[in-house]
Protein backbone atom coordinates (compact mmCIF):
# COMPACT_ATOMS: atom_id res chain seq x y z
CA MET A 1 -21.31 12.86 121.20
CA GLU A 2 -23.51 12.54 124.28
CA GLY A 3 -22.81 10.06 127.07
CA GLY A 4 -20.21 8.24 124.97
CA VAL A 5 -22.78 7.46 122.23
CA VAL A 6 -21.81 8.45 118.70
CA PRO A 7 -24.89 9.73 116.78
CA SER A 8 -25.76 7.93 113.56
CA PRO A 9 -25.35 9.83 110.25
CA ALA A 10 -29.13 10.32 110.10
CA GLU A 11 -29.23 11.71 113.65
CA ALA A 12 -26.29 13.99 112.95
CA LYS A 13 -27.96 15.31 109.82
CA LEU A 14 -31.22 15.89 111.71
CA ARG A 15 -29.41 17.85 114.42
CA LEU A 16 -27.66 20.02 111.85
CA ARG A 17 -30.99 20.66 110.17
CA GLU A 18 -32.62 21.59 113.48
CA GLU A 19 -29.76 23.96 114.27
CA ALA A 20 -30.05 25.57 110.85
CA VAL A 21 -33.80 26.05 111.27
CA SER A 22 -33.38 27.56 114.73
CA ARG A 23 -30.96 30.12 113.28
CA LYS A 24 -32.95 31.01 110.15
CA VAL A 25 -36.62 30.99 111.19
CA VAL A 26 -37.52 34.15 113.03
CA ASN A 27 -41.25 33.51 113.55
CA VAL A 28 -43.92 30.87 113.02
CA GLU A 29 -45.83 32.79 110.34
CA GLU A 30 -42.69 33.08 108.24
CA ALA A 31 -42.02 29.36 108.59
CA ILE A 32 -45.55 28.51 107.51
CA SER A 33 -45.40 30.83 104.52
CA ARG A 34 -42.18 29.16 103.40
CA ALA A 35 -43.74 25.70 103.65
CA VAL A 36 -46.85 26.48 101.59
CA TRP A 37 -46.55 25.28 98.00
CA ARG A 38 -47.47 27.79 95.33
CA PRO A 39 -48.09 27.10 91.63
CA PRO A 40 -45.51 28.52 89.22
CA ALA A 41 -46.08 32.11 88.13
CA GLY A 42 -48.98 32.46 85.72
CA LEU A 43 -50.62 29.16 86.66
CA PHE A 44 -53.97 28.77 88.40
CA LEU A 45 -54.53 25.74 90.63
CA GLU A 46 -57.95 24.14 90.26
CA ARG A 47 -59.00 21.42 92.65
CA ALA A 48 -61.74 18.98 91.80
CA THR A 49 -63.29 18.71 95.25
CA GLU A 50 -64.20 21.05 98.07
CA TYR A 51 -63.68 20.40 101.76
CA ALA A 52 -65.87 21.04 104.77
CA VAL A 53 -66.01 19.97 108.40
CA GLY A 54 -68.68 18.22 110.39
CA GLU A 55 -70.02 14.81 111.32
CA LYS A 56 -71.25 14.02 107.80
CA VAL A 57 -67.87 14.80 106.30
CA LEU A 58 -66.15 12.70 108.98
CA LEU A 59 -68.31 9.71 108.02
CA GLY A 60 -67.63 10.34 104.33
CA SER A 61 -63.89 10.47 104.98
CA ALA A 62 -64.03 7.22 106.96
CA LEU A 63 -66.02 5.51 104.20
CA HIS A 64 -63.60 6.77 101.57
CA THR A 65 -60.63 5.36 103.48
CA PHE A 66 -62.49 2.10 104.01
CA LEU A 67 -63.31 1.69 100.30
CA SER A 68 -59.75 2.52 99.27
CA ILE A 69 -58.36 -0.51 101.13
CA TRP A 70 -61.30 -2.92 100.89
CA ARG A 71 -60.49 -5.91 98.69
CA ILE A 72 -63.96 -6.10 97.24
CA GLY A 73 -65.21 -9.63 96.81
CA GLN A 74 -62.27 -11.09 98.73
CA GLU A 75 -63.09 -10.11 102.30
CA LYS A 76 -66.01 -9.07 104.46
CA PRO A 77 -66.49 -5.40 105.42
CA LYS A 78 -65.99 -6.23 109.11
CA ASP A 79 -62.53 -7.62 108.33
CA VAL A 80 -61.51 -4.25 106.86
CA VAL A 81 -62.55 -2.32 109.96
CA GLU A 82 -60.13 -4.38 112.02
CA ARG A 83 -57.30 -2.86 109.96
CA LEU A 84 -58.54 0.66 110.71
CA SER A 85 -57.81 0.83 114.41
CA TYR A 86 -57.72 4.63 114.27
CA LEU A 87 -61.30 4.83 112.98
CA PRO A 88 -63.60 6.57 115.51
CA GLU A 89 -65.63 3.91 117.31
CA GLU A 90 -68.86 5.87 117.00
CA ILE A 91 -68.90 5.59 113.21
CA VAL A 92 -67.54 2.05 112.79
CA GLU A 93 -71.02 0.55 112.71
CA GLU A 94 -72.24 3.07 110.12
CA VAL A 95 -69.22 2.43 107.91
CA VAL A 96 -69.78 -1.35 107.96
CA GLU A 97 -73.49 -0.99 107.27
CA ALA A 98 -72.84 1.36 104.35
CA ALA A 99 -70.23 -0.98 102.85
CA GLU A 100 -72.52 -3.99 103.16
CA THR A 101 -75.16 -2.25 101.05
CA LEU A 102 -72.72 -2.41 98.13
CA LEU A 103 -72.57 -6.20 98.16
CA ALA A 104 -75.84 -6.59 96.22
CA SER A 105 -75.89 -3.43 94.14
CA SER A 106 -75.68 -2.26 90.54
CA PHE A 107 -72.14 -1.08 91.28
CA MET A 108 -71.07 -4.53 92.48
CA ASN A 109 -72.67 -6.23 89.47
CA LEU A 110 -70.72 -4.00 87.09
CA TYR A 111 -67.51 -4.31 89.12
CA GLU A 112 -67.62 -8.11 89.07
CA SER A 113 -68.46 -8.26 85.37
CA LEU A 114 -65.46 -6.05 84.55
CA LEU A 115 -63.19 -8.28 86.64
CA GLU A 116 -64.41 -11.28 84.69
CA ARG A 117 -63.52 -9.44 81.47
CA GLY A 118 -59.96 -8.93 82.69
CA PHE A 119 -60.11 -5.26 83.66
CA LYS A 120 -57.35 -4.03 85.97
CA VAL A 121 -58.31 -2.37 89.26
CA LEU A 122 -56.63 0.95 90.08
CA LYS A 123 -57.46 2.75 93.34
CA GLU A 124 -56.73 6.29 94.47
CA VAL A 125 -55.34 7.26 91.06
CA PRO A 126 -53.56 10.66 91.11
CA LEU A 127 -54.59 12.86 88.20
CA SER A 128 -53.13 16.13 86.91
CA PHE A 129 -52.70 18.17 83.77
CA ILE A 130 -52.01 21.74 82.65
CA GLU A 131 -54.08 23.56 80.03
CA ASN A 132 -54.20 27.24 79.12
CA GLY A 133 -52.15 28.22 82.15
CA ARG A 134 -54.39 26.29 84.55
CA VAL A 135 -53.29 23.36 86.69
CA PHE A 136 -55.69 20.59 87.63
CA GLN A 137 -54.97 18.11 90.42
CA GLY A 138 -57.28 15.39 91.70
CA ARG A 139 -57.51 11.75 92.72
CA ALA A 140 -59.88 9.17 91.23
CA ASP A 141 -61.42 6.77 93.75
CA LEU A 142 -61.53 3.79 91.42
CA VAL A 143 -60.53 3.19 87.80
CA MET A 144 -61.01 -0.13 86.01
CA LEU A 145 -58.77 -0.34 82.99
CA GLY A 146 -59.37 -2.45 79.90
CA GLU A 147 -57.57 -2.64 76.57
CA ASP A 148 -59.95 -0.31 74.71
CA GLU A 149 -61.99 1.33 77.45
CA LEU A 150 -61.93 2.31 81.10
CA PHE A 151 -64.49 2.86 83.82
CA LEU A 152 -64.22 5.71 86.29
CA PHE A 153 -66.04 5.39 89.61
CA ASP A 154 -66.28 8.23 92.11
CA TYR A 155 -67.87 7.50 95.49
CA LYS A 156 -70.36 10.02 96.84
CA TYR A 157 -71.80 9.91 100.34
CA THR A 158 -74.81 12.08 99.73
CA GLY A 159 -78.41 11.75 98.73
CA GLY A 160 -80.46 13.90 96.42
CA ASP A 161 -82.01 14.00 92.99
CA LYS A 162 -79.87 12.48 90.23
CA GLY A 163 -80.16 15.66 88.19
CA GLU A 164 -78.83 17.68 91.12
CA LEU A 165 -75.94 15.26 91.63
CA VAL A 166 -75.00 15.43 87.96
CA GLU A 167 -75.00 19.21 88.10
CA ARG A 168 -73.12 19.36 91.39
CA TYR A 169 -70.33 16.94 90.46
CA GLY A 170 -70.32 17.32 86.70
CA ARG A 171 -67.31 19.62 86.58
CA GLN A 172 -65.28 17.31 88.80
CA ILE A 173 -66.01 14.29 86.60
CA GLU A 174 -65.22 16.31 83.46
CA LEU A 175 -61.78 17.08 84.84
CA TYR A 176 -61.18 13.50 85.94
CA SER A 177 -62.22 12.22 82.51
CA GLU A 178 -59.97 14.68 80.69
CA ALA A 179 -56.99 13.68 82.82
CA LEU A 180 -57.67 10.00 82.16
CA ARG A 181 -58.15 10.68 78.45
CA ARG A 182 -54.67 12.16 78.34
CA ALA A 183 -53.15 9.39 80.44
CA PHE A 184 -54.80 6.58 78.44
CA PRO A 185 -55.34 7.92 74.91
CA GLY A 186 -57.59 5.95 72.61
CA ARG A 187 -59.68 4.39 75.35
CA GLU A 188 -63.39 5.03 75.68
CA ILE A 189 -64.23 6.43 79.11
CA HIS A 190 -67.32 5.49 81.11
CA PRO A 191 -67.65 7.78 84.16
CA TYR A 192 -70.00 7.00 87.06
CA LEU A 193 -70.89 8.31 90.46
CA VAL A 194 -71.38 5.54 93.04
CA LEU A 195 -73.88 6.53 95.72
CA VAL A 196 -73.01 5.22 99.18
CA PRO A 197 -74.86 3.65 100.90
CA GLY A 198 -76.77 1.68 98.30
CA GLY A 199 -74.31 1.35 95.44
CA GLU A 200 -76.58 3.03 92.91
CA LEU A 201 -74.78 4.16 89.75
CA VAL A 202 -75.24 7.59 88.18
CA ASP A 203 -74.05 7.60 84.58
CA MET A 204 -72.05 10.80 83.93
CA THR A 205 -71.27 10.07 80.27
CA LEU A 206 -73.67 12.63 78.84
CA ARG A 207 -72.40 15.34 81.22
CA THR A 208 -68.76 14.76 80.30
CA THR A 209 -69.55 14.57 76.58
CA GLU A 210 -71.35 17.90 76.72
CA GLY A 211 -68.58 19.44 78.81
CA GLY A 212 -65.88 18.29 76.42
CA SER A 213 -67.63 19.44 73.26
């Protein structure tokens, strides 16, 4: 009790926790090592994507966030940016321009046709499974779910030859497709890369079929 004010239960619990931490943690490295999650013994953690730093990755991250909250077909790209006040000002214009290139693209045509057919829209879908002592964890950018089939879309902010893109991201899409196959058994899966800007589709069906055989 400080200054006649009785702490709330939550505040009291927080203070007890802070006191316990101050008594038990002897150094920062030990605290960090305790906080790091490790897979159970005998399991190998495989991640679908790799991370890097730099201006290009910053733009890709901003675009990814933008596309995850954009209500496609219901609002203009500029309206979305207003909800991302933390977005760096220097890349706002690039993000809007990249998003606007999707409005008249092969991706948008397919997206709208699937909506008309009653497909459900699922964004940022967490995926995971364990096989042969290996753990896979990932997150699908966009999944459109129908009664007998589903479409997987993964946004990529990079140029290059289609063959190179298929080779570079083939393993990632294989893992995504396998996780979705287990989550939605019996549905035919159609995996695509969506190139941003531009909205060009890269069909990954052959790559995932070969990988799964």
